[in-house]
């Protein structure tokens, strides 16, 4: 029996939970040292984007340097969570590993407002609904 048959037998509600999942992930180097924490709804697509895009961020420069040395980062899923708390969980993992030890440019802001900003709650409620935490 193939694995996809098992997924097709799940009730529609269970499949929806999986499709609404947010993945908190870590990018590591060959020494398994965590260099970047991120969140996504599609880890495979996001990993490809990390590998293909050449940007000016510290993380993009690190990946470009790895690729130039015939190496690739590895992506590890740290947690699967829901949309409502994905930003909070991403920030938890960034703080867990320490922002100074990572190549992240910030500690998990939601778009343009850091979580301590007075406009954060207003922005969050407008775009994501009522804050349940």
C-alpha atoms as a PDB file:
ATOM      1  CA  UNK A   1       0.000   0.000   0.000  1.00  0.00           C
ATOM      2  CA  UNK A   2       1.346   3.440  -0.879  1.00  0.00           C
ATOM      3  CA  UNK A   3       1.464   6.252   1.640  1.00  0.00           C
ATOM      4  CA  UNK A   4      -0.808   8.578  -0.316  1.00  0.00           C
ATOM      5  CA  UNK A   5      -3.719   6.143   0.019  1.00  0.00           C
ATOM      6  CA  UNK A   6      -3.549   6.591   3.787  1.00  0.00           C
ATOM      7  CA  UNK A   7      -3.780  10.377   3.408  1.00  0.00           C
ATOM      8  CA  UNK A   8      -6.770  10.015   1.068  1.00  0.00           C
ATOM      9  CA  UNK A   9      -8.670   8.006   3.700  1.00  0.00           C
ATOM     10  CA  UNK A  10      -8.491  10.754   6.309  1.00  0.00           C
ATOM     11  CA  UNK A  11     -11.696  12.660   7.012  1.00  0.00           C
ATOM     12  CA  UNK A  12     -11.894  16.031   5.256  1.00  0.00           C
ATOM     13  CA  UNK A  13     -11.517  17.893   8.560  1.00  0.00           C
ATOM     14  CA  UNK A  14      -8.219  16.104   9.341  1.00  0.00           C
ATOM     15  CA  UNK A  15      -6.835  16.913   5.886  1.00  0.00           C
ATOM     16  CA  UNK A  16      -7.719  20.578   6.407  1.00  0.00           C
ATOM     17  CA  UNK A  17      -5.651  20.694   9.585  1.00  0.00           C
ATOM     18  CA  UNK A  18      -2.644  19.423   7.664  1.00  0.00           C
ATOM     19  CA  UNK A  19      -3.129  21.871   4.799  1.00  0.00           C
ATOM     20  CA  UNK A  20      -3.469  24.803   7.205  1.00  0.00           C
ATOM     21  CA  UNK A  21      -0.234  23.896   8.984  1.00  0.00           C
ATOM     22  CA  UNK A  22       2.642  26.290   9.406  1.00  0.00           C
ATOM     23  CA  UNK A  23       6.098  24.797   9.689  1.00  0.00           C
ATOM     24  CA  UNK A  24       8.780  26.348  11.849  1.00  0.00           C
ATOM     25  CA  UNK A  25      12.103  25.267  10.364  1.00  0.00           C
ATOM     26  CA  UNK A  26      15.831  25.614  10.870  1.00  0.00           C
ATOM     27  CA  UNK A  27      18.536  25.855   8.231  1.00  0.00           C
ATOM     28  CA  UNK A  28      21.776  24.243   9.325  1.00  0.00           C
ATOM     29  CA  UNK A  29      25.274  23.935   7.948  1.00  0.00           C
ATOM     30  CA  UNK A  30      27.221  20.704   7.484  1.00  0.00           C
ATOM     31  CA  UNK A  31      28.165  20.749  11.188  1.00  0.00           C
ATOM     32  CA  UNK A  32      24.440  20.748  12.150  1.00  0.00           C
ATOM     33  CA  UNK A  33      24.840  24.241  13.545  1.00  0.00           C
ATOM     34  CA  UNK A  34      21.544  26.152  13.317  1.00  0.00           C
ATOM     35  CA  UNK A  35      22.013  29.308  11.267  1.00  0.00           C
ATOM     36  CA  UNK A  36      18.492  30.450  10.381  1.00  0.00           C
ATOM     37  CA  UNK A  37      14.948  30.025  11.726  1.00  0.00           C
ATOM     38  CA  UNK A  38      11.904  30.592   9.543  1.00  0.00           C
ATOM     39  CA  UNK A  39       8.252  29.715   9.045  1.00  0.00           C
ATOM     40  CA  UNK A  40       6.383  28.563   5.963  1.00  0.00           C
ATOM     41  CA  UNK A  41       3.309  26.721   4.764  1.00  0.00           C
ATOM     42  CA  UNK A  42       5.359  24.770   2.211  1.00  0.00           C
ATOM     43  CA  UNK A  43       8.826  23.689   3.421  1.00  0.00           C
ATOM     44  CA  UNK A  44       9.911  22.206   0.077  1.00  0.00           C
ATOM     45  CA  UNK A  45       9.079  25.323  -1.894  1.00  0.00           C
ATOM     46  CA  UNK A  46      10.622  27.589   0.745  1.00  0.00           C
ATOM     47  CA  UNK A  47      13.830  25.561   0.782  1.00  0.00           C
ATOM     48  CA  UNK A  48      14.096  25.832  -3.013  1.00  0.00           C
ATOM     49  CA  UNK A  49      13.598  29.582  -2.725  1.00  0.00           C
ATOM     50  CA  UNK A  50      16.414  29.802  -0.182  1.00  0.00           C
ATOM     51  CA  UNK A  51      18.692  27.900  -2.577  1.00  0.00           C
ATOM     52  CA  UNK A  52      17.779  29.863  -5.715  1.00  0.00           C
ATOM     53  CA  UNK A  53      17.470  33.430  -4.512  1.00  0.00           C
ATOM     54  CA  UNK A  54      20.532  35.568  -4.203  1.00  0.00           C
ATOM     55  CA  UNK A  55      19.861  38.464  -1.870  1.00  0.00           C
ATOM     56  CA  UNK A  56      21.766  40.865   0.286  1.00  0.00           C
ATOM     57  CA  UNK A  57      20.716  39.399   3.620  1.00  0.00           C
ATOM     58  CA  UNK A  58      23.241  37.610   5.810  1.00  0.00           C
ATOM     59  CA  UNK A  59      21.352  34.339   5.336  1.00  0.00           C
ATOM     60  CA  UNK A  60      21.362  34.678   1.535  1.00  0.00           C
ATOM     61  CA  UNK A  61      25.090  35.429   1.525  1.00  0.00           C
ATOM     62  CA  UNK A  62      25.739  32.413   3.773  1.00  0.00           C
ATOM     63  CA  UNK A  63      23.773  30.119   1.438  1.00  0.00           C
ATOM     64  CA  UNK A  64      25.567  31.529  -1.625  1.00  0.00           C
ATOM     65  CA  UNK A  65      28.907  30.864   0.058  1.00  0.00           C
ATOM     66  CA  UNK A  66      27.895  27.268   0.846  1.00  0.00           C
ATOM     67  CA  UNK A  67      26.774  26.670  -2.736  1.00  0.00           C
ATOM     68  CA  UNK A  68      30.038  28.155  -4.065  1.00  0.00           C
ATOM     69  CA  UNK A  69      31.858  25.515  -1.956  1.00  0.00           C
ATOM     70  CA  UNK A  70      29.651  22.714  -3.375  1.00  0.00           C
ATOM     71  CA  UNK A  71      27.687  22.412  -0.134  1.00  0.00           C
ATOM     72  CA  UNK A  72      24.034  22.962   0.743  1.00  0.00           C
ATOM     73  CA  UNK A  73      22.249  23.896   3.924  1.00  0.00           C
ATOM     74  CA  UNK A  74      19.891  21.364   5.456  1.00  0.00           C
ATOM     75  CA  UNK A  75      16.320  22.138   6.459  1.00  0.00           C
ATOM     76  CA  UNK A  76      14.900  20.622   9.636  1.00  0.00           C
ATOM     77  CA  UNK A  77      11.294  20.988  10.759  1.00  0.00           C
ATOM     78  CA  UNK A  78      11.305  22.127  14.378  1.00  0.00           C
ATOM     79  CA  UNK A  79       7.568  22.375  14.873  1.00  0.00           C
ATOM     80  CA  UNK A  80       4.244  22.181  13.058  1.00  0.00           C
ATOM     81  CA  UNK A  81       1.760  24.748  14.282  1.00  0.00           C
ATOM     82  CA  UNK A  82      -1.336  26.740  13.346  1.00  0.00           C
ATOM     83  CA  UNK A  83      -1.556  30.074  11.529  1.00  0.00           C
ATOM     84  CA  UNK A  84      -2.810  31.873  14.629  1.00  0.00           C
ATOM     85  CA  UNK A  85       0.356  31.234  16.612  1.00  0.00           C
ATOM     86  CA  UNK A  86       2.999  30.699  13.912  1.00  0.00           C
ATOM     87  CA  UNK A  87       4.661  34.086  14.439  1.00  0.00           C
ATOM     88  CA  UNK A  88       4.829  33.525  18.190  1.00  0.00           C
ATOM     89  CA  UNK A  89       6.327  30.058  17.781  1.00  0.00           C
ATOM     90  CA  UNK A  90       8.873  31.314  15.239  1.00  0.00           C
ATOM     91  CA  UNK A  91       9.899  34.009  17.718  1.00  0.00           C
ATOM     92  CA  UNK A  92      10.163  31.363  20.457  1.00  0.00           C
ATOM     93  CA  UNK A  93      12.624  29.314  18.397  1.00  0.00           C
ATOM     94  CA  UNK A  94      14.648  32.381  17.400  1.00  0.00           C
ATOM     95  CA  UNK A  95      14.955  33.308  21.070  1.00  0.00           C
ATOM     96  CA  UNK A  96      15.714  29.684  21.973  1.00  0.00           C
ATOM     97  CA  UNK A  97      18.753  29.584  19.663  1.00  0.00           C
ATOM     98  CA  UNK A  98      19.599  33.249  20.285  1.00  0.00           C
ATOM     99  CA  UNK A  99      19.246  35.986  17.695  1.00  0.00           C
ATOM    100  CA  UNK A 100      22.979  36.735  18.027  1.00  0.00           C
ATOM    101  CA  UNK A 101      23.807  33.141  17.020  1.00  0.00           C
ATOM    102  CA  UNK A 102      21.582  33.223  13.918  1.00  0.00           C
ATOM    103  CA  UNK A 103      21.615  34.925  10.545  1.00  0.00           C
ATOM    104  CA  UNK A 104      18.022  36.132  10.914  1.00  0.00           C
ATOM    105  CA  UNK A 105      17.670  39.848  10.306  1.00  0.00           C
ATOM    106  CA  UNK A 106      15.093  40.186  13.110  1.00  0.00           C
ATOM    107  CA  UNK A 107      13.511  38.145  15.875  1.00  0.00           C
ATOM    108  CA  UNK A 108      10.290  37.287  14.068  1.00  0.00           C
ATOM    109  CA  UNK A 109       8.450  40.552  13.485  1.00  0.00           C
ATOM    110  CA  UNK A 110       5.046  40.293  11.876  1.00  0.00           C
ATOM    111  CA  UNK A 111       5.661  42.280   8.738  1.00  0.00           C
ATOM    112  CA  UNK A 112       6.605  45.820   9.727  1.00  0.00           C
ATOM    113  CA  UNK A 113       5.641  45.898  13.408  1.00  0.00           C
ATOM    114  CA  UNK A 114       7.702  44.266  16.153  1.00  0.00           C
ATOM    115  CA  UNK A 115       5.649  42.572  18.856  1.00  0.00           C
ATOM    116  CA  UNK A 116       6.368  45.346  21.391  1.00  0.00           C
ATOM    117  CA  UNK A 117       5.036  48.063  19.062  1.00  0.00           C
ATOM    118  CA  UNK A 118       1.699  49.694  20.041  1.00  0.00           C
ATOM    119  CA  UNK A 119       0.480  49.073  16.471  1.00  0.00           C
ATOM    120  CA  UNK A 120       1.261  45.361  16.635  1.00  0.00           C
ATOM    121  CA  UNK A 121      -2.012  44.279  18.253  1.00  0.00           C
ATOM    122  CA  UNK A 122      -4.068  46.459  15.905  1.00  0.00           C
ATOM    123  CA  UNK A 123      -2.263  45.089  12.839  1.00  0.00           C
ATOM    124  CA  UNK A 124      -2.520  41.496  14.049  1.00  0.00           C
ATOM    125  CA  UNK A 125      -6.266  41.725  14.734  1.00  0.00           C
ATOM    126  CA  UNK A 126      -6.943  43.431  11.399  1.00  0.00           C
ATOM    127  CA  UNK A 127      -5.069  40.876   9.305  1.00  0.00           C
ATOM    128  CA  UNK A 128      -5.294  37.671  11.335  1.00  0.00           C
ATOM    129  CA  UNK A 129      -8.386  38.025  13.519  1.00  0.00           C
ATOM    130  CA  UNK A 130      -8.693  38.068  17.271  1.00  0.00           C
ATOM    131  CA  UNK A 131      -5.548  37.303  19.230  1.00  0.00           C
ATOM    132  CA  UNK A 132      -6.226  34.192  21.278  1.00  0.00           C
ATOM    133  CA  UNK A 133      -3.061  34.114  23.368  1.00  0.00           C
END
